[in-house]
Amino acid sequence: MADDNFEPRIIAFCCNWCSYAGADLAGVSRLQYPPNILVIRVMCSGMVHPNLVIDALTKGADGVLICGCHPGDCHYLEGNLKAESRKDAIELMLEDFGLEPERFRLEWISASEGPRFAEVMREMTETIRGLGPSPYRQ
């Protein structure tokens, strides 16, 4: 059973061109979402290597999101498809480390989807709250 006082630490790798701009839109629109998310801006979701995800989860993060442009809209042509192809590898690695697959999520969020960004952040926070702290959390 999860601790009612548990506040998850979640890292969101957001592509510069779409999902980071979506996060900015959520902020300027004053849309509410939990402060549990640490947003890290990357140029493209395709540059987030599976080792970065696993490293974050084994060093104290309770959950990790990769957010990128919708397929077909990547500013680097196929970077988001590269991110999608890495998803299976990440999920296999989670299993190897004894972590629930729900601790990782890949989402497509465009620059105009501030409300969707806020919704995904709320959903991820609630999912991680339900799972409880990562076994690797110090």
C-alpha atoms as a PDB file:
ATOM      1  CA  MET A   1       0.000   0.000   0.000  1.00  0.00           C
ATOM      2  CA  ALA A   2       1.295   3.426  -0.967  1.00  0.00           C
ATOM      3  CA  ASP A   3       2.188   6.016   1.675  1.00  0.00           C
ATOM      4  CA  ASP A   4      -0.305   8.919   1.677  1.00  0.00           C
ATOM      5  CA  ASN A   5       2.558  11.376   2.233  1.00  0.00           C
ATOM      6  CA  PHE A   6       4.626  10.042  -0.664  1.00  0.00           C
ATOM      7  CA  GLU A   7       5.464  12.692  -3.247  1.00  0.00           C
ATOM      8  CA  PRO A   8       6.944  11.155  -6.398  1.00  0.00           C
ATOM      9  CA  ARG A   9      10.004  12.485  -8.178  1.00  0.00           C
ATOM     10  CA  ILE A  10       9.348  12.336 -11.920  1.00  0.00           C
ATOM     11  CA  ILE A  11      11.692  13.338 -14.703  1.00  0.00           C
ATOM     12  CA  ALA A  12      10.224  14.420 -18.037  1.00  0.00           C
ATOM     13  CA  PHE A  13      12.576  14.611 -21.017  1.00  0.00           C
ATOM     14  CA  CYS A  14      10.771  17.020 -23.367  1.00  0.00           C
ATOM     15  CA  CYS A  15      11.754  17.803 -26.939  1.00  0.00           C
ATOM     16  CA  ASN A  16      12.563  21.454 -27.497  1.00  0.00           C
ATOM     17  CA  TRP A  17      10.242  22.018 -30.437  1.00  0.00           C
ATOM     18  CA  CYS A  18       6.965  20.469 -29.325  1.00  0.00           C
ATOM     19  CA  SER A  19       6.503  19.086 -25.838  1.00  0.00           C
ATOM     20  CA  TYR A  20       8.715  21.671 -24.097  1.00  0.00           C
ATOM     21  CA  ALA A  21       6.678  24.360 -25.857  1.00  0.00           C
ATOM     22  CA  GLY A  22       3.534  22.495 -24.731  1.00  0.00           C
ATOM     23  CA  ALA A  23       4.841  22.651 -21.160  1.00  0.00           C
ATOM     24  CA  ASP A  24       5.416  26.374 -21.597  1.00  0.00           C
ATOM     25  CA  LEU A  25       1.873  26.818 -22.914  1.00  0.00           C
ATOM     26  CA  ALA A  26       0.522  24.932 -19.895  1.00  0.00           C
ATOM     27  CA  GLY A  27       2.453  27.317 -17.659  1.00  0.00           C
ATOM     28  CA  VAL A  28       1.405  30.561 -19.322  1.00  0.00           C
ATOM     29  CA  SER A  29      -2.188  29.263 -19.453  1.00  0.00           C
ATOM     30  CA  ARG A  30      -1.964  28.665 -15.699  1.00  0.00           C
ATOM     31  CA  LEU A  31      -3.034  25.053 -16.056  1.00  0.00           C
ATOM     32  CA  GLN A  32      -2.657  23.117 -12.838  1.00  0.00           C
ATOM     33  CA  TYR A  33      -0.521  20.005 -12.574  1.00  0.00           C
ATOM     34  CA  PRO A  34       1.520  18.602  -9.674  1.00  0.00           C
ATOM     35  CA  PRO A  35       4.949  20.113  -8.982  1.00  0.00           C
ATOM     36  CA  ASN A  36       6.483  16.627  -8.938  1.00  0.00           C
ATOM     37  CA  ILE A  37       7.778  16.888 -12.495  1.00  0.00           C
ATOM     38  CA  LEU A  38      11.327  17.950 -13.302  1.00  0.00           C
ATOM     39  CA  VAL A  39      11.297  18.965 -16.963  1.00  0.00           C
ATOM     40  CA  ILE A  40      14.544  18.495 -18.845  1.00  0.00           C
ATOM     41  CA  ARG A  41      14.642  20.088 -22.276  1.00  0.00           C
ATOM     42  CA  VAL A  42      16.318  17.988 -24.957  1.00  0.00           C
ATOM     43  CA  MET A  43      16.583  18.913 -28.617  1.00  0.00           C
ATOM     44  CA  CYS A  44      14.760  15.744 -29.701  1.00  0.00           C
ATOM     45  CA  SER A  45      13.059  12.820 -27.966  1.00  0.00           C
ATOM     46  CA  GLY A  46      15.192  10.567 -30.161  1.00  0.00           C
ATOM     47  CA  MET A  47      18.336  11.660 -28.350  1.00  0.00           C
ATOM     48  CA  VAL A  48      17.166  10.205 -25.026  1.00  0.00           C
ATOM     49  CA  HIS A  49      19.149   6.984 -24.785  1.00  0.00           C
ATOM     50  CA  PRO A  50      17.614   4.107 -22.792  1.00  0.00           C
ATOM     51  CA  ASN A  51      20.555   4.333 -20.387  1.00  0.00           C
ATOM     52  CA  LEU A  52      19.447   7.862 -19.401  1.00  0.00           C
ATOM     53  CA  VAL A  53      16.026   6.529 -18.423  1.00  0.00           C
ATOM     54  CA  ILE A  54      17.429   3.611 -16.441  1.00  0.00           C
ATOM     55  CA  ASP A  55      20.086   5.809 -14.849  1.00  0.00           C
ATOM     56  CA  ALA A  56      17.413   8.261 -13.654  1.00  0.00           C
ATOM     57  CA  LEU A  57      15.280   5.447 -12.228  1.00  0.00           C
ATOM     58  CA  THR A  58      18.172   3.721 -10.454  1.00  0.00           C
ATOM     59  CA  LYS A  59      19.430   6.982  -8.960  1.00  0.00           C
ATOM     60  CA  GLY A  60      16.252   8.067  -7.235  1.00  0.00           C
ATOM     61  CA  ALA A  61      13.600   9.091  -9.756  1.00  0.00           C
ATOM     62  CA  ASP A  62      10.271   7.351  -9.201  1.00  0.00           C
ATOM     63  CA  GLY A  63       9.162   7.751 -12.818  1.00  0.00           C
ATOM     64  CA  VAL A  64      10.405   8.953 -16.201  1.00  0.00           C
ATOM     65  CA  LEU A  65       8.524  10.413 -19.159  1.00  0.00           C
ATOM     66  CA  ILE A  66       9.820  11.030 -22.637  1.00  0.00           C
ATOM     67  CA  CYS A  67       7.676  13.557 -24.481  1.00  0.00           C
ATOM     68  CA  GLY A  68       8.165  14.354 -28.132  1.00  0.00           C
ATOM     69  CA  CYS A  69       6.582  15.601 -31.327  1.00  0.00           C
ATOM     70  CA  HIS A  70       3.753  13.620 -32.883  1.00  0.00           C
ATOM     71  CA  PRO A  71       4.915  11.063 -35.479  1.00  0.00           C
ATOM     72  CA  GLY A  72       5.360  12.815 -38.784  1.00  0.00           C
ATOM     73  CA  ASP A  73       5.982  16.198 -37.113  1.00  0.00           C
ATOM     74  CA  CYS A  74       9.533  15.697 -35.819  1.00  0.00           C
ATOM     75  CA  HIS A  75      11.795  18.653 -36.523  1.00  0.00           C
ATOM     76  CA  TYR A  76      14.620  16.141 -37.016  1.00  0.00           C
ATOM     77  CA  LEU A  77      12.503  14.058 -39.412  1.00  0.00           C
ATOM     78  CA  GLU A  78      12.486  10.718 -37.572  1.00  0.00           C
ATOM     79  CA  GLY A  79      13.823  11.384 -34.086  1.00  0.00           C
ATOM     80  CA  ASN A  80      10.511  10.573 -32.440  1.00  0.00           C
ATOM     81  CA  LEU A  81      10.391   7.273 -34.337  1.00  0.00           C
ATOM     82  CA  LYS A  82      13.815   6.508 -32.890  1.00  0.00           C
ATOM     83  CA  ALA A  83      12.427   7.239 -29.416  1.00  0.00           C
ATOM     84  CA  GLU A  84       9.491   4.939 -30.101  1.00  0.00           C
ATOM     85  CA  SER A  85      11.780   2.145 -31.274  1.00  0.00           C
ATOM     86  CA  ARG A  86      13.728   2.429 -27.995  1.00  0.00           C
ATOM     87  CA  LYS A  87      10.575   2.029 -25.893  1.00  0.00           C
ATOM     88  CA  ASP A  88      10.657  -1.787 -26.028  1.00  0.00           C
ATOM     89  CA  ALA A  89      14.320  -1.829 -25.006  1.00  0.00           C
ATOM     90  CA  ILE A  90      13.562   0.462 -22.075  1.00  0.00           C
ATOM     91  CA  GLU A  91      10.680  -1.743 -20.939  1.00  0.00           C
ATOM     92  CA  LEU A  92      12.921  -4.830 -21.088  1.00  0.00           C
ATOM     93  CA  MET A  93      15.553  -3.025 -19.044  1.00  0.00           C
ATOM     94  CA  LEU A  94      12.934  -2.028 -16.468  1.00  0.00           C
ATOM     95  CA  GLU A  95      12.079  -5.706 -16.085  1.00  0.00           C
ATOM     96  CA  ASP A  96      15.762  -6.566 -15.638  1.00  0.00           C
ATOM     97  CA  PHE A  97      16.020  -3.978 -12.853  1.00  0.00           C
ATOM     98  CA  GLY A  98      12.828  -5.180 -11.159  1.00  0.00           C
ATOM     99  CA  LEU A  99      10.885  -1.988 -11.910  1.00  0.00           C
ATOM    100  CA  GLU A 100       7.247  -1.751 -12.933  1.00  0.00           C
ATOM    101  CA  PRO A 101       6.676  -0.800 -16.597  1.00  0.00           C
ATOM    102  CA  GLU A 102       4.325   1.994 -15.461  1.00  0.00           C
ATOM    103  CA  ARG A 103       7.339   3.921 -14.146  1.00  0.00           C
ATOM    104  CA  PHE A 104       8.146   4.818 -17.759  1.00  0.00           C
ATOM    105  CA  ARG A 105       5.921   6.533 -20.291  1.00  0.00           C
ATOM    106  CA  LEU A 106       6.363   7.835 -23.840  1.00  0.00           C
ATOM    107  CA  GLU A 107       3.963  10.555 -25.006  1.00  0.00           C
ATOM    108  CA  TRP A 108       3.514  12.743 -28.067  1.00  0.00           C
ATOM    109  CA  ILE A 109       2.610  16.316 -27.093  1.00  0.00           C
ATOM    110  CA  SER A 110       2.672  19.198 -29.565  1.00  0.00           C
ATOM    111  CA  ALA A 111       3.409  22.850 -28.854  1.00  0.00           C
ATOM    112  CA  SER A 112      -0.313  23.654 -28.984  1.00  0.00           C
ATOM    113  CA  GLU A 113      -1.294  20.965 -26.476  1.00  0.00           C
ATOM    114  CA  GLY A 114      -0.742  22.709 -23.144  1.00  0.00           C
ATOM    115  CA  PRO A 115      -3.894  21.136 -21.644  1.00  0.00           C
ATOM    116  CA  ARG A 116      -2.723  17.680 -22.767  1.00  0.00           C
ATOM    117  CA  PHE A 117       0.707  18.287 -21.202  1.00  0.00           C
ATOM    118  CA  ALA A 118      -0.914  19.149 -17.863  1.00  0.00           C
ATOM    119  CA  GLU A 119      -3.215  16.109 -18.107  1.00  0.00           C
ATOM    120  CA  VAL A 120      -0.348  13.702 -18.834  1.00  0.00           C
ATOM    121  CA  MET A 121       1.646  15.126 -15.893  1.00  0.00           C
ATOM    122  CA  ARG A 122      -1.336  14.660 -13.558  1.00  0.00           C
ATOM    123  CA  GLU A 123      -1.893  11.095 -14.801  1.00  0.00           C
ATOM    124  CA  MET A 124       1.769  10.158 -14.442  1.00  0.00           C
ATOM    125  CA  THR A 125       1.960  11.596 -10.932  1.00  0.00           C
ATOM    126  CA  GLU A 126      -1.130   9.649  -9.837  1.00  0.00           C
ATOM    127  CA  THR A 127       0.176   6.439 -11.426  1.00  0.00           C
ATOM    128  CA  ILE A 128       3.500   6.761  -9.597  1.00  0.00           C
ATOM    129  CA  ARG A 129       1.761   7.672  -6.341  1.00  0.00           C
ATOM    130  CA  GLY A 130      -0.169   4.422  -6.647  1.00  0.00           C
ATOM    131  CA  LEU A 131       3.026   2.435  -7.187  1.00  0.00           C
ATOM    132  CA  GLY A 132       4.845   4.029  -4.282  1.00  0.00           C
ATOM    133  CA  PRO A 133       8.513   5.001  -4.102  1.00  0.00           C
ATOM    134  CA  SER A 134      11.035   3.384  -6.398  1.00  0.00           C
ATOM    135  CA  PRO A 135      12.996   0.594  -4.701  1.00  0.00           C
ATOM    136  CA  TYR A 136      16.101   2.535  -5.751  1.00  0.00           C
ATOM    137  CA  ARG A 137      15.045   5.759  -4.043  1.00  0.00           C
ATOM    138  CA  GLN A 138      17.431   6.808  -1.269  1.00  0.00           C
END
